[in-house]
Amino acid sequence: MTTLTRVCSISVVVLAVIAVVIGEWAAFVMGVLQGITEFLPISSSAHLILLPWLFSWDNALLHSLTFDVGLHVGTLAAVLFYFRDDLLDLVKATPQLLRGVRTQQTQLIVAIVVGTLPAAVVGVLFESAIEEYLRSPIQIAVVLAVMGVVIAYADRVGQTHRALPQLGWRDAVWIGLAQACALVPGVSRSGATMSAARVLGFDRNAAARFAFLLSTPITLAAVAVKADDLLLIQGSDVVTMLVGVTTAAVVGVVVIDLLLSWIRRIGLGVFAYYRWVVAIAVVVVLYLRG
């Protein structure tokens, strides 16, 4: 465990105590859930929908897409902090890109831009339909299970002969299309993008790093679209949002650090089993509730 992970872990404990004292434990739990599930290939949006549904929480904010986006602000902050050196290198390389100079950094910038476009287009065209029709528990259970098969297959057949510097714009197109599919709750952005990268022959570390970097612009866009709704939050909801966002950010840093250390050893297959268990649990709960 690195020093960064230790510090963040202690911070999570402190946040937990504060959340309990001020009566915002549900927001804390949602923040922990977002921080964990955003970077693991198990779908954060699915978990953020299922948890309030499972426990029948009556706080409307916790069930809203606005709170979902707010929590993504937290995990976006985690990515920006953890990959700050990589992102700064990309910013410094932007003038070279404009001059037509080809380097590993400019090639990565092109890949990120190209990979972002499919999700941006799908989000603009189908955001309302996705929000209205694709958030039911049974639909999420089906998608979790099906995507579990995809992740298990991709990790099993994926080769490991390509590293991140070898990622070109054609690879980015396919990975970007996979990211666009992740707008459907249950798919998982990291799961879809890492699976696509694995099928294209990238090793697990390269797949994970590109998945995290690729999440930055599309998450920024989602936050920008929902900025008005976030700014309209008032009263006690402000505290709820702050607890959730802060928790998601701190937990997110821990998860990124651990996942990049573990991914080469554990692979993605174990997360497929988790998806199937959750899908079965949702179906069982629906059956018991009639």
C-alpha atoms as a PDB file:
ATOM      1  CA  MET A   1       0.000   0.000   0.000  1.00  0.00           C
ATOM      2  CA  THR A   2       1.456   3.363  -1.037  1.00  0.00           C
ATOM      3  CA  THR A   3       1.612   6.463   1.161  1.00  0.00           C
ATOM      4  CA  LEU A   4      -1.071   8.067  -1.028  1.00  0.00           C
ATOM      5  CA  THR A   5      -3.402   5.132  -0.464  1.00  0.00           C
ATOM      6  CA  ARG A   6      -2.813   5.224   3.308  1.00  0.00           C
ATOM      7  CA  VAL A   7      -3.547   8.955   3.533  1.00  0.00           C
ATOM      8  CA  CYS A   8      -6.702   8.636   1.442  1.00  0.00           C
ATOM      9  CA  SER A   9      -7.871   5.625   3.458  1.00  0.00           C
ATOM     10  CA  ILE A  10      -7.542   7.586   6.700  1.00  0.00           C
ATOM     11  CA  SER A  11      -9.433  10.455   5.046  1.00  0.00           C
ATOM     12  CA  VAL A  12     -12.273   8.089   4.161  1.00  0.00           C
ATOM     13  CA  VAL A  13     -12.586   7.049   7.822  1.00  0.00           C
ATOM     14  CA  VAL A  14     -12.714  10.710   8.862  1.00  0.00           C
ATOM     15  CA  LEU A  15     -15.379  11.411   6.232  1.00  0.00           C
ATOM     16  CA  ALA A  16     -17.393   8.437   7.475  1.00  0.00           C
ATOM     17  CA  VAL A  17     -17.398   9.795  11.039  1.00  0.00           C
ATOM     18  CA  ILE A  18     -18.416  13.276   9.865  1.00  0.00           C
ATOM     19  CA  ALA A  19     -21.179  11.844   7.651  1.00  0.00           C
ATOM     20  CA  VAL A  20     -22.667   9.833  10.518  1.00  0.00           C
ATOM     21  CA  VAL A  21     -22.514  12.809  12.895  1.00  0.00           C
ATOM     22  CA  ILE A  22     -24.326  15.155  10.487  1.00  0.00           C
ATOM     23  CA  GLY A  23     -26.806  12.509   9.346  1.00  0.00           C
ATOM     24  CA  GLU A  24     -25.495  12.125   5.785  1.00  0.00           C
ATOM     25  CA  TRP A  25     -24.426   8.482   5.942  1.00  0.00           C
ATOM     26  CA  ALA A  26     -26.471   7.588   2.825  1.00  0.00           C
ATOM     27  CA  ALA A  27     -24.625  10.218   0.771  1.00  0.00           C
ATOM     28  CA  PHE A  28     -21.340   8.876   2.141  1.00  0.00           C
ATOM     29  CA  VAL A  29     -22.254   5.326   1.104  1.00  0.00           C
ATOM     30  CA  MET A  30     -23.209   6.553  -2.375  1.00  0.00           C
ATOM     31  CA  GLY A  31     -19.879   8.387  -2.621  1.00  0.00           C
ATOM     32  CA  VAL A  32     -17.960   5.252  -1.627  1.00  0.00           C
ATOM     33  CA  LEU A  33     -19.958   3.267  -4.172  1.00  0.00           C
ATOM     34  CA  GLN A  34     -19.195   5.767  -6.936  1.00  0.00           C
ATOM     35  CA  GLY A  35     -15.506   5.928  -6.046  1.00  0.00           C
ATOM     36  CA  ILE A  36     -15.232   2.138  -6.262  1.00  0.00           C
ATOM     37  CA  THR A  37     -17.502   1.319  -9.182  1.00  0.00           C
ATOM     38  CA  GLU A  38     -16.493   4.154 -11.536  1.00  0.00           C
ATOM     39  CA  PHE A  39     -13.069   2.641 -12.111  1.00  0.00           C
ATOM     40  CA  LEU A  40     -13.886  -1.049 -11.813  1.00  0.00           C
ATOM     41  CA  PRO A  41     -15.611  -2.663 -14.819  1.00  0.00           C
ATOM     42  CA  ILE A  42     -18.919  -3.140 -12.972  1.00  0.00           C
ATOM     43  CA  SER A  43     -20.905   0.021 -13.912  1.00  0.00           C
ATOM     44  CA  SER A  44     -21.168   2.908 -11.475  1.00  0.00           C
ATOM     45  CA  SER A  45     -24.468   4.150 -12.948  1.00  0.00           C
ATOM     46  CA  ALA A  46     -26.084   0.747 -12.372  1.00  0.00           C
ATOM     47  CA  HIS A  47     -24.995   0.678  -8.728  1.00  0.00           C
ATOM     48  CA  LEU A  48     -26.083   4.272  -8.107  1.00  0.00           C
ATOM     49  CA  ILE A  49     -29.563   3.380  -9.379  1.00  0.00           C
ATOM     50  CA  LEU A  50     -29.805   0.014  -7.622  1.00  0.00           C
ATOM     51  CA  LEU A  51     -28.651   1.005  -4.114  1.00  0.00           C
ATOM     52  CA  PRO A  52     -31.356   3.637  -3.354  1.00  0.00           C
ATOM     53  CA  TRP A  53     -33.916   1.308  -4.989  1.00  0.00           C
ATOM     54  CA  LEU A  54     -32.805  -1.669  -2.906  1.00  0.00           C
ATOM     55  CA  PHE A  55     -33.045   0.197   0.413  1.00  0.00           C
ATOM     56  CA  SER A  56     -36.037   2.356  -0.611  1.00  0.00           C
ATOM     57  CA  TRP A  57     -34.346   5.603   0.381  1.00  0.00           C
ATOM     58  CA  ASP A  58     -36.833   8.460   0.250  1.00  0.00           C
ATOM     59  CA  ASN A  59     -34.370  11.276  -0.498  1.00  0.00           C
ATOM     60  CA  ALA A  60     -35.243  12.257  -4.074  1.00  0.00           C
ATOM     61  CA  LEU A  61     -31.773  13.705  -4.656  1.00  0.00           C
ATOM     62  CA  LEU A  62     -30.148  10.301  -4.143  1.00  0.00           C
ATOM     63  CA  HIS A  63     -32.332   8.851  -6.925  1.00  0.00           C
ATOM     64  CA  SER A  64     -31.636  11.667  -9.379  1.00  0.00           C
ATOM     65  CA  LEU A  65     -29.353  11.836 -12.392  1.00  0.00           C
ATOM     66  CA  THR A  66     -28.155  15.188 -11.007  1.00  0.00           C
ATOM     67  CA  PHE A  67     -26.692  13.445  -7.954  1.00  0.00           C
ATOM     68  CA  ASP A  68     -25.189  10.822 -10.268  1.00  0.00           C
ATOM     69  CA  VAL A  69     -23.440  13.552 -12.272  1.00  0.00           C
ATOM     70  CA  GLY A  70     -22.358  15.284  -9.073  1.00  0.00           C
ATOM     71  CA  LEU A  71     -20.665  12.124  -7.859  1.00  0.00           C
ATOM     72  CA  HIS A  72     -18.900  11.917 -11.219  1.00  0.00           C
ATOM     73  CA  VAL A  73     -17.395  15.326 -10.408  1.00  0.00           C
ATOM     74  CA  GLY A  74     -15.723  13.591  -7.473  1.00  0.00           C
ATOM     75  CA  THR A  75     -14.277  10.734  -9.502  1.00  0.00           C
ATOM     76  CA  LEU A  76     -13.261  13.169 -12.236  1.00  0.00           C
ATOM     77  CA  ALA A  77     -11.266  15.050  -9.589  1.00  0.00           C
ATOM     78  CA  ALA A  78      -9.642  11.742  -8.644  1.00  0.00           C
ATOM     79  CA  VAL A  79      -8.556  11.132 -12.260  1.00  0.00           C
ATOM     80  CA  LEU A  80      -7.260  14.692 -12.666  1.00  0.00           C
ATOM     81  CA  PHE A  81      -5.268  14.390  -9.441  1.00  0.00           C
ATOM     82  CA  TYR A  82      -3.862  10.907 -10.038  1.00  0.00           C
ATOM     83  CA  PHE A  83      -2.931  11.471 -13.683  1.00  0.00           C
ATOM     84  CA  ARG A  84      -1.948  15.125 -13.261  1.00  0.00           C
ATOM     85  CA  ASP A  85       1.559  14.567 -14.672  1.00  0.00           C
ATOM     86  CA  ASP A  86       0.241  12.669 -17.713  1.00  0.00           C
ATOM     87  CA  LEU A  87      -2.415  15.304 -18.362  1.00  0.00           C
ATOM     88  CA  LEU A  88       0.088  18.147 -17.955  1.00  0.00           C
ATOM     89  CA  ASP A  89       2.341  16.461 -20.528  1.00  0.00           C
ATOM     90  CA  LEU A  90      -0.604  16.323 -22.924  1.00  0.00           C
ATOM     91  CA  VAL A  91      -1.359  20.005 -22.384  1.00  0.00           C
ATOM     92  CA  LYS A  92       2.294  20.881 -23.062  1.00  0.00           C
ATOM     93  CA  ALA A  93       2.228  18.748 -26.220  1.00  0.00           C
ATOM     94  CA  THR A  94      -0.840  20.528 -27.663  1.00  0.00           C
ATOM     95  CA  PRO A  95       1.218  23.228 -29.495  1.00  0.00           C
ATOM     96  CA  GLN A  96       3.248  20.429 -31.120  1.00  0.00           C
ATOM     97  CA  LEU A  97       0.024  18.814 -32.304  1.00  0.00           C
ATOM     98  CA  LEU A  98      -1.106  22.096 -33.857  1.00  0.00           C
ATOM     99  CA  ARG A  99       2.234  22.319 -35.691  1.00  0.00           C
ATOM    100  CA  GLY A 100       1.819  18.783 -37.014  1.00  0.00           C
ATOM    101  CA  VAL A 101       4.660  17.310 -34.953  1.00  0.00           C
ATOM    102  CA  ARG A 102       4.159  13.583 -34.278  1.00  0.00           C
ATOM    103  CA  THR A 103       5.148  12.359 -30.813  1.00  0.00           C
ATOM    104  CA  GLN A 104       3.761   9.814 -28.349  1.00  0.00           C
ATOM    105  CA  GLN A 105       1.954  12.636 -26.546  1.00  0.00           C
ATOM    106  CA  THR A 106       0.383  14.161 -29.657  1.00  0.00           C
ATOM    107  CA  GLN A 107      -0.663  10.690 -30.815  1.00  0.00           C
ATOM    108  CA  LEU A 108      -2.347  10.124 -27.448  1.00  0.00           C
ATOM    109  CA  ILE A 109      -4.131  13.496 -27.680  1.00  0.00           C
ATOM    110  CA  VAL A 110      -5.553  12.509 -31.074  1.00  0.00           C
ATOM    111  CA  ALA A 111      -6.631   9.140 -29.683  1.00  0.00           C
ATOM    112  CA  ILE A 112      -8.438  10.763 -26.742  1.00  0.00           C
ATOM    113  CA  VAL A 113     -10.228  13.275 -28.997  1.00  0.00           C
ATOM    114  CA  VAL A 114     -11.244  10.607 -31.518  1.00  0.00           C
ATOM    115  CA  GLY A 115     -12.288   8.212 -28.753  1.00  0.00           C
ATOM    116  CA  THR A 116     -14.483  10.847 -27.130  1.00  0.00           C
ATOM    117  CA  LEU A 117     -16.509  11.731 -30.235  1.00  0.00           C
ATOM    118  CA  PRO A 118     -18.778   8.635 -30.411  1.00  0.00           C
ATOM    119  CA  ALA A 119     -19.970   8.990 -26.798  1.00  0.00           C
ATOM    120  CA  ALA A 120     -20.451  12.744 -27.260  1.00  0.00           C
ATOM    121  CA  VAL A 121     -22.652  12.214 -30.321  1.00  0.00           C
ATOM    122  CA  VAL A 122     -24.689   9.412 -28.730  1.00  0.00           C
ATOM    123  CA  GLY A 123     -25.065  11.428 -25.528  1.00  0.00           C
ATOM    124  CA  VAL A 124     -26.409  14.476 -27.356  1.00  0.00           C
ATOM    125  CA  LEU A 125     -28.826  12.450 -29.475  1.00  0.00           C
ATOM    126  CA  PHE A 126     -30.098   9.923 -26.942  1.00  0.00           C
ATOM    127  CA  GLU A 127     -29.517  11.323 -23.432  1.00  0.00           C
ATOM    128  CA  SER A 128     -33.215  11.914 -22.749  1.00  0.00           C
ATOM    129  CA  ALA A 129     -34.259   8.492 -24.040  1.00  0.00           C
ATOM    130  CA  ILE A 130     -31.565   6.741 -22.001  1.00  0.00           C
ATOM    131  CA  GLU A 131     -32.539   8.629 -18.846  1.00  0.00           C
ATOM    132  CA  GLU A 132     -36.245   7.892 -19.321  1.00  0.00           C
ATOM    133  CA  TYR A 133     -36.267   4.292 -20.541  1.00  0.00           C
ATOM    134  CA  LEU A 134     -33.015   2.583 -19.528  1.00  0.00           C
ATOM    135  CA  ARG A 135     -32.855   2.929 -15.747  1.00  0.00           C
ATOM    136  CA  SER A 136     -35.138   0.098 -14.574  1.00  0.00           C
ATOM    137  CA  PRO A 137     -33.657  -2.589 -12.269  1.00  0.00           C
ATOM    138  CA  ILE A 138     -34.554  -5.508 -14.557  1.00  0.00           C
ATOM    139  CA  GLN A 139     -32.967  -3.829 -17.579  1.00  0.00           C
ATOM    140  CA  ILE A 140     -29.843  -3.122 -15.548  1.00  0.00           C
ATOM    141  CA  ALA A 141     -29.687  -6.750 -14.394  1.00  0.00           C
ATOM    142  CA  VAL A 142     -29.810  -7.987 -17.992  1.00  0.00           C
ATOM    143  CA  VAL A 143     -27.111  -5.556 -19.148  1.00  0.00           C
ATOM    144  CA  LEU A 144     -24.878  -6.418 -16.179  1.00  0.00           C
ATOM    145  CA  ALA A 145     -25.092 -10.101 -17.017  1.00  0.00           C
ATOM    146  CA  VAL A 146     -24.555  -9.719 -20.765  1.00  0.00           C
ATOM    147  CA  MET A 147     -21.649  -7.329 -20.322  1.00  0.00           C
ATOM    148  CA  GLY A 148     -20.135  -9.770 -17.845  1.00  0.00           C
ATOM    149  CA  VAL A 149     -19.886 -12.293 -20.677  1.00  0.00           C
ATOM    150  CA  VAL A 150     -18.254  -9.669 -22.909  1.00  0.00           C
ATOM    151  CA  ILE A 151     -15.681  -8.708 -20.269  1.00  0.00           C
ATOM    152  CA  ALA A 152     -14.796 -12.331 -19.506  1.00  0.00           C
ATOM    153  CA  TYR A 153     -14.396 -13.105 -23.203  1.00  0.00           C
ATOM    154  CA  ALA A 154     -12.309  -9.992 -23.933  1.00  0.00           C
ATOM    155  CA  ASP A 155      -9.917 -10.638 -21.072  1.00  0.00           C
ATOM    156  CA  ARG A 156      -9.528 -14.292 -22.031  1.00  0.00           C
ATOM    157  CA  VAL A 157      -8.839 -13.771 -25.746  1.00  0.00           C
ATOM    158  CA  GLY A 158      -7.057 -10.423 -25.427  1.00  0.00           C
ATOM    159  CA  GLN A 159      -3.380 -10.403 -26.365  1.00  0.00           C
ATOM    160  CA  THR A 160      -0.698  -8.447 -24.516  1.00  0.00           C
ATOM    161  CA  HIS A 161       1.689  -7.454 -27.274  1.00  0.00           C
ATOM    162  CA  ARG A 162       0.740  -3.767 -27.546  1.00  0.00           C
ATOM    163  CA  ALA A 163       1.524  -0.908 -25.154  1.00  0.00           C
ATOM    164  CA  LEU A 164      -0.056   2.537 -24.841  1.00  0.00           C
ATOM    165  CA  PRO A 165       2.397   4.325 -27.222  1.00  0.00           C
ATOM    166  CA  GLN A 166       1.167   2.009 -30.005  1.00  0.00           C
ATOM    167  CA  LEU A 167      -2.423   3.186 -29.729  1.00  0.00           C
ATOM    168  CA  GLY A 168      -3.516   4.884 -32.961  1.00  0.00           C
ATOM    169  CA  TRP A 169      -6.611   6.754 -34.063  1.00  0.00           C
ATOM    170  CA  ARG A 170      -8.207   3.622 -35.578  1.00  0.00           C
ATOM    171  CA  ASP A 171      -7.908   1.867 -32.218  1.00  0.00           C
ATOM    172  CA  ALA A 172      -9.406   4.955 -30.598  1.00  0.00           C
ATOM    173  CA  VAL A 173     -12.451   4.770 -32.874  1.00  0.00           C
ATOM    174  CA  TRP A 174     -13.286   1.248 -31.723  1.00  0.00           C
ATOM    175  CA  ILE A 175     -12.619   2.029 -28.072  1.00  0.00           C
ATOM    176  CA  GLY A 176     -14.675   5.214 -28.414  1.00  0.00           C
ATOM    177  CA  LEU A 177     -17.617   3.245 -29.825  1.00  0.00           C
ATOM    178  CA  ALA A 178     -17.354   0.948 -26.819  1.00  0.00           C
ATOM    179  CA  GLN A 179     -17.408   3.971 -24.521  1.00  0.00           C
ATOM    180  CA  ALA A 180     -20.560   5.215 -26.260  1.00  0.00           C
ATOM    181  CA  CYS A 181     -22.284   1.931 -25.373  1.00  0.00           C
ATOM    182  CA  ALA A 182     -21.458   2.647 -21.725  1.00  0.00           C
ATOM    183  CA  LEU A 183     -24.065   5.426 -21.651  1.00  0.00           C
ATOM    184  CA  VAL A 184     -26.510   2.574 -21.031  1.00  0.00           C
ATOM    185  CA  PRO A 185     -26.597   1.859 -17.252  1.00  0.00           C
ATOM    186  CA  GLY A 186     -25.059  -1.520 -16.534  1.00  0.00           C
ATOM    187  CA  VAL A 187     -22.457  -1.482 -19.308  1.00  0.00           C
ATOM    188  CA  SER A 188     -19.612   0.359 -17.471  1.00  0.00           C
ATOM    189  CA  ARG A 189     -17.367   2.868 -19.195  1.00  0.00           C
ATOM    190  CA  SER A 190     -14.167   1.339 -17.857  1.00  0.00           C
ATOM    191  CA  GLY A 191     -15.412  -2.177 -18.584  1.00  0.00           C
ATOM    192  CA  ALA A 192     -16.357  -1.362 -22.171  1.00  0.00           C
ATOM    193  CA  THR A 193     -13.209   0.597 -22.992  1.00  0.00           C
ATOM    194  CA  MET A 194     -10.820  -1.844 -21.313  1.00  0.00           C
ATOM    195  CA  SER A 195     -12.524  -4.800 -23.006  1.00  0.00           C
ATOM    196  CA  ALA A 196     -12.256  -3.140 -26.412  1.00  0.00           C
ATOM    197  CA  ALA A 197      -8.587  -2.346 -25.811  1.00  0.00           C
ATOM    198  CA  ARG A 198      -7.888  -5.928 -24.738  1.00  0.00           C
ATOM    199  CA  VAL A 199      -9.517  -7.326 -27.899  1.00  0.00           C
ATOM    200  CA  LEU A 200      -7.343  -4.926 -29.918  1.00  0.00           C
ATOM    201  CA  GLY A 201      -4.260  -6.472 -28.329  1.00  0.00           C
ATOM    202  CA  PHE A 202      -3.315  -3.970 -25.613  1.00  0.00           C
ATOM    203  CA  ASP A 203      -1.963  -5.208 -22.307  1.00  0.00           C
ATOM    204  CA  ARG A 204      -4.051  -4.748 -19.171  1.00  0.00           C
ATOM    205  CA  ASN A 205      -2.066  -1.782 -17.870  1.00  0.00           C
ATOM    206  CA  ALA A 206      -2.325   0.109 -21.177  1.00  0.00           C
ATOM    207  CA  ALA A 207      -6.039  -0.695 -21.412  1.00  0.00           C
ATOM    208  CA  ALA A 208      -6.674   0.618 -17.896  1.00  0.00           C
ATOM    209  CA  ARG A 209      -4.609   3.806 -18.266  1.00  0.00           C
ATOM    210  CA  PHE A 210      -6.248   4.751 -21.562  1.00  0.00           C
ATOM    211  CA  ALA A 211      -9.700   4.006 -20.133  1.00  0.00           C
ATOM    212  CA  PHE A 212      -9.053   6.426 -17.264  1.00  0.00           C
ATOM    213  CA  LEU A 213      -7.631   9.167 -19.496  1.00  0.00           C
ATOM    214  CA  LEU A 214     -10.481   8.744 -22.002  1.00  0.00           C
ATOM    215  CA  SER A 215     -13.043   9.228 -19.238  1.00  0.00           C
ATOM    216  CA  THR A 216     -11.864  12.793 -18.564  1.00  0.00           C
ATOM    217  CA  PRO A 217     -13.361  14.777 -21.497  1.00  0.00           C
ATOM    218  CA  ILE A 218     -16.693  12.921 -21.625  1.00  0.00           C
ATOM    219  CA  THR A 219     -17.172  13.335 -17.868  1.00  0.00           C
ATOM    220  CA  LEU A 220     -16.331  17.037 -18.157  1.00  0.00           C
ATOM    221  CA  ALA A 221     -18.950  17.314 -20.909  1.00  0.00           C
ATOM    222  CA  ALA A 222     -21.580  15.538 -18.788  1.00  0.00           C
ATOM    223  CA  VAL A 223     -20.868  17.873 -15.875  1.00  0.00           C
ATOM    224  CA  ALA A 224     -21.111  20.912 -18.170  1.00  0.00           C
ATOM    225  CA  VAL A 225     -24.489  19.740 -19.496  1.00  0.00           C
ATOM    226  CA  LYS A 226     -25.848  19.298 -15.965  1.00  0.00           C
ATOM    227  CA  ALA A 227     -24.120  22.380 -14.522  1.00  0.00           C
ATOM    228  CA  ASP A 228     -27.383  24.346 -14.264  1.00  0.00           C
ATOM    229  CA  ASP A 229     -29.037  21.545 -12.277  1.00  0.00           C
ATOM    230  CA  LEU A 230     -26.024  21.268  -9.978  1.00  0.00           C
ATOM    231  CA  LEU A 231     -26.073  25.017  -9.316  1.00  0.00           C
ATOM    232  CA  LEU A 232     -29.786  24.910  -8.435  1.00  0.00           C
ATOM    233  CA  ILE A 233     -29.221  22.568  -5.492  1.00  0.00           C
ATOM    234  CA  GLN A 234     -30.123  24.352  -2.254  1.00  0.00           C
ATOM    235  CA  GLY A 235     -30.486  23.840   1.486  1.00  0.00           C
ATOM    236  CA  SER A 236     -29.634  20.491   3.014  1.00  0.00           C
ATOM    237  CA  ASP A 237     -29.151  19.020  -0.461  1.00  0.00           C
ATOM    238  CA  VAL A 238     -25.947  21.050  -0.757  1.00  0.00           C
ATOM    239  CA  VAL A 239     -24.459  19.209   2.224  1.00  0.00           C
ATOM    240  CA  THR A 240     -25.641  15.871   0.833  1.00  0.00           C
ATOM    241  CA  MET A 241     -23.966  16.609  -2.484  1.00  0.00           C
ATOM    242  CA  LEU A 242     -20.713  17.795  -0.882  1.00  0.00           C
ATOM    243  CA  VAL A 243     -20.436  14.662   1.252  1.00  0.00           C
ATOM    244  CA  GLY A 244     -21.045  12.429  -1.758  1.00  0.00           C
ATOM    245  CA  VAL A 245     -18.664  14.280  -4.089  1.00  0.00           C
ATOM    246  CA  THR A 246     -15.822  14.514  -1.562  1.00  0.00           C
ATOM    247  CA  THR A 247     -16.129  10.861  -0.619  1.00  0.00           C
ATOM    248  CA  ALA A 248     -16.200   9.771  -4.276  1.00  0.00           C
ATOM    249  CA  ALA A 249     -13.030  11.773  -4.972  1.00  0.00           C
ATOM    250  CA  VAL A 250     -11.012  10.349  -2.077  1.00  0.00           C
ATOM    251  CA  VAL A 251     -12.173   6.757  -2.578  1.00  0.00           C
ATOM    252  CA  GLY A 252     -11.570   7.129  -6.319  1.00  0.00           C
ATOM    253  CA  VAL A 253      -7.886   7.927  -5.796  1.00  0.00           C
ATOM    254  CA  VAL A 254      -7.485   4.799  -3.665  1.00  0.00           C
ATOM    255  CA  VAL A 255      -9.226   2.595  -6.230  1.00  0.00           C
ATOM    256  CA  ILE A 256      -7.171   3.920  -9.175  1.00  0.00           C
ATOM    257  CA  ASP A 257      -3.941   3.370  -7.267  1.00  0.00           C
ATOM    258  CA  LEU A 258      -4.869  -0.167  -6.252  1.00  0.00           C
ATOM    259  CA  LEU A 259      -6.383  -1.162  -9.595  1.00  0.00           C
ATOM    260  CA  LEU A 260      -3.311  -0.150 -11.589  1.00  0.00           C
ATOM    261  CA  SER A 261      -1.243  -2.284  -9.203  1.00  0.00           C
ATOM    262  CA  TRP A 262      -3.586  -5.272  -9.324  1.00  0.00           C
ATOM    263  CA  ILE A 263      -4.824  -5.279 -12.908  1.00  0.00           C
ATOM    264  CA  ARG A 264      -1.823  -7.149 -14.330  1.00  0.00           C
ATOM    265  CA  ARG A 265      -2.307  -9.963 -11.803  1.00  0.00           C
ATOM    266  CA  ILE A 266      -6.067 -10.316 -11.406  1.00  0.00           C
ATOM    267  CA  GLY A 267      -7.264  -9.410 -14.903  1.00  0.00           C
ATOM    268  CA  LEU A 268     -10.892  -8.499 -15.635  1.00  0.00           C
ATOM    269  CA  GLY A 269     -12.508 -11.928 -15.418  1.00  0.00           C
ATOM    270  CA  VAL A 270     -13.226 -11.715 -11.684  1.00  0.00           C
ATOM    271  CA  PHE A 271     -15.463  -8.703 -12.293  1.00  0.00           C
ATOM    272  CA  ALA A 272     -17.588 -10.726 -14.693  1.00  0.00           C
ATOM    273  CA  TYR A 273     -18.470 -13.094 -11.840  1.00  0.00           C
ATOM    274  CA  TYR A 274     -19.377 -10.126  -9.651  1.00  0.00           C
ATOM    275  CA  ARG A 275     -21.692  -8.789 -12.369  1.00  0.00           C
ATOM    276  CA  TRP A 276     -23.503 -12.111 -12.635  1.00  0.00           C
ATOM    277  CA  VAL A 277     -23.996 -12.274  -8.863  1.00  0.00           C
ATOM    278  CA  VAL A 278     -25.456  -8.750  -8.765  1.00  0.00           C
ATOM    279  CA  ALA A 279     -27.733  -9.481 -11.732  1.00  0.00           C
ATOM    280  CA  ILE A 280     -29.086 -12.603 -10.027  1.00  0.00           C
ATOM    281  CA  ALA A 281     -29.551 -10.687  -6.750  1.00  0.00           C
ATOM    282  CA  VAL A 282     -31.606  -7.994  -8.525  1.00  0.00           C
ATOM    283  CA  VAL A 283     -33.854 -10.607 -10.133  1.00  0.00           C
ATOM    284  CA  VAL A 284     -34.347 -12.339  -6.756  1.00  0.00           C
ATOM    285  CA  VAL A 285     -35.277  -9.061  -5.045  1.00  0.00           C
ATOM    286  CA  LEU A 286     -37.730  -8.212  -7.831  1.00  0.00           C
ATOM    287  CA  TYR A 287     -39.314 -11.663  -7.480  1.00  0.00           C
ATOM    288  CA  LEU A 288     -39.619 -11.391  -3.692  1.00  0.00           C
ATOM    289  CA  ARG A 289     -41.169  -7.938  -3.957  1.00  0.00           C
ATOM    290  CA  GLY A 290     -43.684  -9.277  -6.454  1.00  0.00           C
END
